[in-house]
C-alpha atoms as a PDB file:
ATOM      1  CA  MET A   1      -7.660 -30.928  -1.786  1.00  0.00           C
ATOM      2  CA  ARG A   2      -4.415 -29.063  -2.412  1.00  0.00           C
ATOM      3  CA  THR A   3      -3.699 -27.438  -5.741  1.00  0.00           C
ATOM      4  CA  PRO A   4      -0.044 -27.145  -6.824  1.00  0.00           C
ATOM      5  CA  VAL A   5       1.127 -23.688  -7.804  1.00  0.00           C
ATOM      6  CA  PRO A   6       4.349 -24.323  -9.773  1.00  0.00           C
ATOM      7  CA  LEU A   7       5.038 -20.714 -10.793  1.00  0.00           C
ATOM      8  CA  LEU A   8       4.754 -19.536  -7.231  1.00  0.00           C
ATOM      9  CA  ALA A   9       6.680 -22.432  -5.719  1.00  0.00           C
ATOM     10  CA  PRO A  10      10.075 -20.656  -5.731  1.00  0.00           C
ATOM     11  CA  LEU A  11       8.449 -17.501  -4.350  1.00  0.00           C
ATOM     12  CA  ALA A  12       6.774 -19.593  -1.687  1.00  0.00           C
ATOM     13  CA  LEU A  13      10.151 -21.022  -0.727  1.00  0.00           C
ATOM     14  CA  ILE A  14      11.652 -17.533  -0.535  1.00  0.00           C
ATOM     15  CA  LEU A  15       8.855 -16.333   1.697  1.00  0.00           C
ATOM     16  CA  GLY A  16       8.787 -19.516   3.772  1.00  0.00           C
ATOM     17  CA  CYS A  17       5.298 -20.534   2.662  1.00  0.00           C
ATOM     18  CA  SER A  18       3.864 -23.865   1.640  1.00  0.00           C
ATOM     19  CA  GLN A  19       4.260 -24.753  -2.043  1.00  0.00           C
ATOM     20  CA  THR A  20       0.573 -25.543  -2.295  1.00  0.00           C
ATOM     21  CA  LEU A  21      -2.580 -23.686  -1.490  1.00  0.00           C
ATOM     22  CA  PRO A  22      -3.947 -25.113   1.764  1.00  0.00           C
ATOM     23  CA  SER A  23      -7.608 -26.037   1.996  1.00  0.00           C
ATOM     24  CA  ALA A  24      -7.485 -25.771   5.779  1.00  0.00           C
ATOM     25  CA  PRO A  25      -5.534 -23.483   8.100  1.00  0.00           C
ATOM     26  CA  PRO A  26      -1.840 -24.385   8.068  1.00  0.00           C
ATOM     27  CA  ALA A  27      -0.461 -26.489  10.881  1.00  0.00           C
ATOM     28  CA  PRO A  28       2.079 -24.856  13.207  1.00  0.00           C
ATOM     29  CA  ARG A  29       5.625 -25.101  11.885  1.00  0.00           C
ATOM     30  CA  ALA A  30       8.820 -25.714  13.772  1.00  0.00           C
ATOM     31  CA  PRO A  31      10.979 -22.612  14.154  1.00  0.00           C
ATOM     32  CA  GLU A  32      13.333 -22.011  11.248  1.00  0.00           C
ATOM     33  CA  PRO A  33      16.941 -20.920  11.554  1.00  0.00           C
ATOM     34  CA  ALA A  34      17.453 -17.204  11.972  1.00  0.00           C
ATOM     35  CA  GLN A  35      16.731 -15.437   8.709  1.00  0.00           C
ATOM     36  CA  ALA A  36      15.603 -11.987   7.723  1.00  0.00           C
ATOM     37  CA  THR A  37      14.165 -11.072  11.094  1.00  0.00           C
ATOM     38  CA  PRO A  38      12.260  -7.823  11.296  1.00  0.00           C
ATOM     39  CA  ILE A  39      14.009  -5.157  13.277  1.00  0.00           C
ATOM     40  CA  SER A  40      12.726  -3.990  16.632  1.00  0.00           C
ATOM     41  CA  PRO A  41      11.503  -1.542  17.851  1.00  0.00           C
ATOM     42  CA  PRO A  42       8.212  -1.195  15.974  1.00  0.00           C
ATOM     43  CA  ALA A  43       8.159   0.854  12.796  1.00  0.00           C
ATOM     44  CA  PRO A  44       6.652   4.051  14.302  1.00  0.00           C
ATOM     45  CA  GLU A  45       9.960   4.630  16.100  1.00  0.00           C
ATOM     46  CA  LEU A  46      12.058   4.415  12.941  1.00  0.00           C
ATOM     47  CA  PRO A  47      14.299   7.417  12.361  1.00  0.00           C
ATOM     48  CA  VAL A  48      13.654   9.136   9.042  1.00  0.00           C
ATOM     49  CA  THR A  49      16.118  11.634   7.612  1.00  0.00           C
ATOM     50  CA  ILE A  50      15.394  14.245   4.982  1.00  0.00           C
ATOM     51  CA  SER A  51      17.954  15.346   2.412  1.00  0.00           C
ATOM     52  CA  THR A  52      17.182  19.068   2.508  1.00  0.00           C
ATOM     53  CA  THR A  53      14.912  21.518   4.249  1.00  0.00           C
ATOM     54  CA  GLU A  54      12.458  21.065   1.374  1.00  0.00           C
ATOM     55  CA  GLU A  55       8.893  21.399   2.724  1.00  0.00           C
ATOM     56  CA  LEU A  56       7.805  18.430   0.593  1.00  0.00           C
ATOM     57  CA  GLU A  57      10.276  16.210   2.428  1.00  0.00           C
ATOM     58  CA  ALA A  58       9.109  17.335   5.859  1.00  0.00           C
ATOM     59  CA  GLU A  59       5.488  16.694   4.835  1.00  0.00           C
ATOM     60  CA  THR A  60       6.430  13.245   3.547  1.00  0.00           C
ATOM     61  CA  LYS A  61       8.296  12.437   6.751  1.00  0.00           C
ATOM     62  CA  ASP A  62       5.256  13.429   8.808  1.00  0.00           C
ATOM     63  CA  ALA A  63       2.940  11.460   6.510  1.00  0.00           C
ATOM     64  CA  LEU A  64       5.162   8.368   6.767  1.00  0.00           C
ATOM     65  CA  ARG A  65       5.258   8.613  10.557  1.00  0.00           C
ATOM     66  CA  ALA A  66       1.439   8.888  10.589  1.00  0.00           C
ATOM     67  CA  VAL A  67       1.100   5.824   8.334  1.00  0.00           C
ATOM     68  CA  LEU A  68       3.509   3.841  10.513  1.00  0.00           C
ATOM     69  CA  ARG A  69       1.553   4.789  13.643  1.00  0.00           C
ATOM     70  CA  THR A  70      -1.676   3.632  11.967  1.00  0.00           C
ATOM     71  CA  HIS A  71      -0.399   0.331  10.536  1.00  0.00           C
ATOM     72  CA  ASP A  72       1.595  -2.332  12.344  1.00  0.00           C
ATOM     73  CA  VAL A  73       4.344  -2.955   9.795  1.00  0.00           C
ATOM     74  CA  GLY A  74       7.008  -4.089  12.263  1.00  0.00           C
ATOM     75  CA  ARG A  75       7.226  -7.524  10.677  1.00  0.00           C
ATOM     76  CA  TRP A  76       7.936  -5.900   7.291  1.00  0.00           C
ATOM     77  CA  VAL A  77      10.805  -3.678   8.442  1.00  0.00           C
ATOM     78  CA  PHE A  78      14.243  -4.982   7.507  1.00  0.00           C
ATOM     79  CA  THR A  79      16.269  -1.757   7.506  1.00  0.00           C
ATOM     80  CA  ARG A  80      16.192   1.272   9.757  1.00  0.00           C
ATOM     81  CA  ASP A  81      18.070   3.488   7.301  1.00  0.00           C
ATOM     82  CA  ILE A  82      15.246   5.556   5.810  1.00  0.00           C
ATOM     83  CA  ALA A  83      15.543   8.823   3.937  1.00  0.00           C
ATOM     84  CA  ILE A  84      13.177  11.161   2.142  1.00  0.00           C
ATOM     85  CA  ASP A  85      14.434  12.892  -0.999  1.00  0.00           C
ATOM     86  CA  ALA A  86      11.597  14.847  -2.604  1.00  0.00           C
ATOM     87  CA  PHE A  87      12.481  14.144  -6.223  1.00  0.00           C
ATOM     88  CA  ALA A  88      14.486  10.910  -6.027  1.00  0.00           C
ATOM     89  CA  ILE A  89      13.501   7.686  -7.715  1.00  0.00           C
ATOM     90  CA  PRO A  90      12.538   5.485  -4.756  1.00  0.00           C
ATOM     91  CA  HIS A  91      15.129   2.817  -4.040  1.00  0.00           C
ATOM     92  CA  SER A  92      16.086   0.394  -1.319  1.00  0.00           C
ATOM     93  CA  HIS A  93      19.890   0.377  -1.294  1.00  0.00           C
ATOM     94  CA  PRO A  94      22.184   1.522   0.161  1.00  0.00           C
ATOM     95  CA  VAL A  95      19.626   3.590   2.103  1.00  0.00           C
ATOM     96  CA  LEU A  96      15.885   3.066   1.701  1.00  0.00           C
ATOM     97  CA  THR A  97      14.846   6.313   0.013  1.00  0.00           C
ATOM     98  CA  LEU A  98      11.311   7.502  -0.655  1.00  0.00           C
ATOM     99  CA  HIS A  99      10.178  10.453  -2.757  1.00  0.00           C
ATOM    100  CA  ALA A 100       7.529  13.023  -1.827  1.00  0.00           C
ATOM    101  CA  ARG A 101       5.013  12.103  -4.521  1.00  0.00           C
ATOM    102  CA  TYR A 102       2.770  10.051  -2.205  1.00  0.00           C
ATOM    103  CA  ARG A 103       2.848  12.364   0.825  1.00  0.00           C
ATOM    104  CA  LYS A 104      -0.906  12.970   0.487  1.00  0.00           C
ATOM    105  CA  SER A 105      -1.785   9.355  -0.274  1.00  0.00           C
ATOM    106  CA  PRO A 106      -1.258   7.224   2.849  1.00  0.00           C
ATOM    107  CA  ASP A 107      -2.050   3.917   1.110  1.00  0.00           C
ATOM    108  CA  ARG A 108       0.462   4.541  -1.670  1.00  0.00           C
ATOM    109  CA  LEU A 109       3.089   5.756   0.794  1.00  0.00           C
ATOM    110  CA  LEU A 110       2.625   2.586   2.853  1.00  0.00           C
ATOM    111  CA  LEU A 111       2.820   0.445  -0.292  1.00  0.00           C
ATOM    112  CA  LEU A 112       6.037   2.157  -1.390  1.00  0.00           C
ATOM    113  CA  PHE A 113       7.591   1.809   2.073  1.00  0.00           C
ATOM    114  CA  VAL A 114       6.819  -1.916   2.318  1.00  0.00           C
ATOM    115  CA  HIS A 115       7.922  -2.489  -1.306  1.00  0.00           C
ATOM    116  CA  GLU A 116      11.348  -0.997  -0.609  1.00  0.00           C
ATOM    117  CA  GLN A 117      11.611  -2.907   2.671  1.00  0.00           C
ATOM    118  CA  LEU A 118      10.913  -6.169   0.814  1.00  0.00           C
ATOM    119  CA  HIS A 119      13.978  -5.524  -1.328  1.00  0.00           C
ATOM    120  CA  TRP A 120      15.995  -5.789   1.882  1.00  0.00           C
ATOM    121  CA  TYR A 121      14.197  -9.009   2.792  1.00  0.00           C
ATOM    122  CA  LEU A 122      14.970 -10.606  -0.572  1.00  0.00           C
ATOM    123  CA  ASP A 123      18.578  -9.433  -0.279  1.00  0.00           C
ATOM    124  CA  GLU A 124      19.160 -11.792   2.655  1.00  0.00           C
ATOM    125  CA  PRO A 125      21.707 -14.498   1.740  1.00  0.00           C
ATOM    126  CA  ALA A 126      19.306 -17.277   2.778  1.00  0.00           C
ATOM    127  CA  LYS A 127      16.774 -16.044   0.207  1.00  0.00           C
ATOM    128  CA  GLN A 128      19.170 -16.037  -2.760  1.00  0.00           C
ATOM    129  CA  PRO A 129      18.733 -19.659  -3.952  1.00  0.00           C
ATOM    130  CA  GLY A 130      14.923 -19.391  -3.947  1.00  0.00           C
ATOM    131  CA  LEU A 131      15.025 -15.951  -5.527  1.00  0.00           C
ATOM    132  CA  ALA A 132      17.331 -17.193  -8.298  1.00  0.00           C
ATOM    133  CA  ALA A 133      15.016 -20.157  -8.940  1.00  0.00           C
ATOM    134  CA  ALA A 134      11.951 -17.896  -9.085  1.00  0.00           C
ATOM    135  CA  LYS A 135      13.626 -15.491 -11.518  1.00  0.00           C
ATOM    136  CA  ALA A 136      14.834 -18.382 -13.685  1.00  0.00           C
ATOM    137  CA  GLU A 137      11.330 -19.845 -13.873  1.00  0.00           C
ATOM    138  CA  LEU A 138       9.833 -16.455 -14.710  1.00  0.00           C
ATOM    139  CA  ALA A 139      12.463 -15.867 -17.419  1.00  0.00           C
ATOM    140  CA  GLN A 140      11.646 -19.256 -18.927  1.00  0.00           C
ATOM    141  CA  ARG A 141       7.895 -18.680 -18.815  1.00  0.00           C
ATOM    142  CA  TYR A 142       8.134 -15.117 -20.087  1.00  0.00           C
ATOM    143  CA  PRO A 143      11.164 -14.969 -22.388  1.00  0.00           C
ATOM    144  CA  ASP A 144       9.956 -11.716 -23.951  1.00  0.00           C
ATOM    145  CA  HIS A 145       9.543  -9.886 -20.640  1.00  0.00           C
ATOM    146  CA  PRO A 146      10.508  -6.200 -20.705  1.00  0.00           C
ATOM    147  CA  GLY A 147      14.237  -5.780 -20.346  1.00  0.00           C
ATOM    148  CA  GLY A 148      14.269  -2.108 -19.458  1.00  0.00           C
ATOM    149  CA  LEU A 149      12.365   1.077 -18.844  1.00  0.00           C
ATOM    150  CA  PRO A 150       9.653   2.203 -19.234  1.00  0.00           C
ATOM    151  CA  GLU A 151       7.833  -1.148 -19.525  1.00  0.00           C
ATOM    152  CA  GLY A 152      10.000  -3.033 -17.033  1.00  0.00           C
ATOM    153  CA  GLY A 153      12.734  -2.473 -14.493  1.00  0.00           C
ATOM    154  CA  PHE A 154      16.097  -0.904 -15.205  1.00  0.00           C
ATOM    155  CA  ASN A 155      17.146  -4.141 -16.898  1.00  0.00           C
ATOM    156  CA  SER A 156      15.942  -7.719 -17.346  1.00  0.00           C
ATOM    157  CA  ASP A 157      17.136  -8.820 -13.902  1.00  0.00           C
ATOM    158  CA  SER A 158      15.352  -5.876 -12.272  1.00  0.00           C
ATOM    159  CA  THR A 159      12.130  -6.730 -14.118  1.00  0.00           C
ATOM    160  CA  LEU A 160      12.299 -10.340 -12.925  1.00  0.00           C
ATOM    161  CA  LEU A 161      13.087  -9.260  -9.359  1.00  0.00           C
ATOM    162  CA  HIS A 162      10.028  -7.002  -9.351  1.00  0.00           C
ATOM    163  CA  LEU A 163       7.810  -9.785 -10.713  1.00  0.00           C
ATOM    164  CA  VAL A 164       8.814 -11.791  -7.639  1.00  0.00           C
ATOM    165  CA  LEU A 165       8.633  -8.850  -5.247  1.00  0.00           C
ATOM    166  CA  CYS A 166       5.329  -7.401  -6.404  1.00  0.00           C
END
């Protein structure tokens, strides 16, 4: 039996998933038109720039390369523009930028990297209608959601985007 998941339906559309939870393995789907296609070559070969000669940035770059060699994240890479800025607030645009805070925590560094990459995925024009629908449903369900820092994103739209993304 399939159980509808209305809140996640727009997110499912964005991510190209079924709108229901399958009770059996999903049947093969026909190929979809070209959309946010992960970039080749695999992630371990991604160039990473550092903003200064700061030792923290070099350590973070090495840690990121080690994480990308350990985990196959090729399907989650949507931009090759990656920078390390030791004290920056991590962000995805215009260049995916990571800070040095998680250089000694491979799991957190991987999580941060994929999180910022997913911003690029959701930025694809084909994803915009589903993303807008998901944010509208979340805003309706949670009208008192945080509209700014520190409880939410930079603003209401950022909070809603991160509810979809995370």
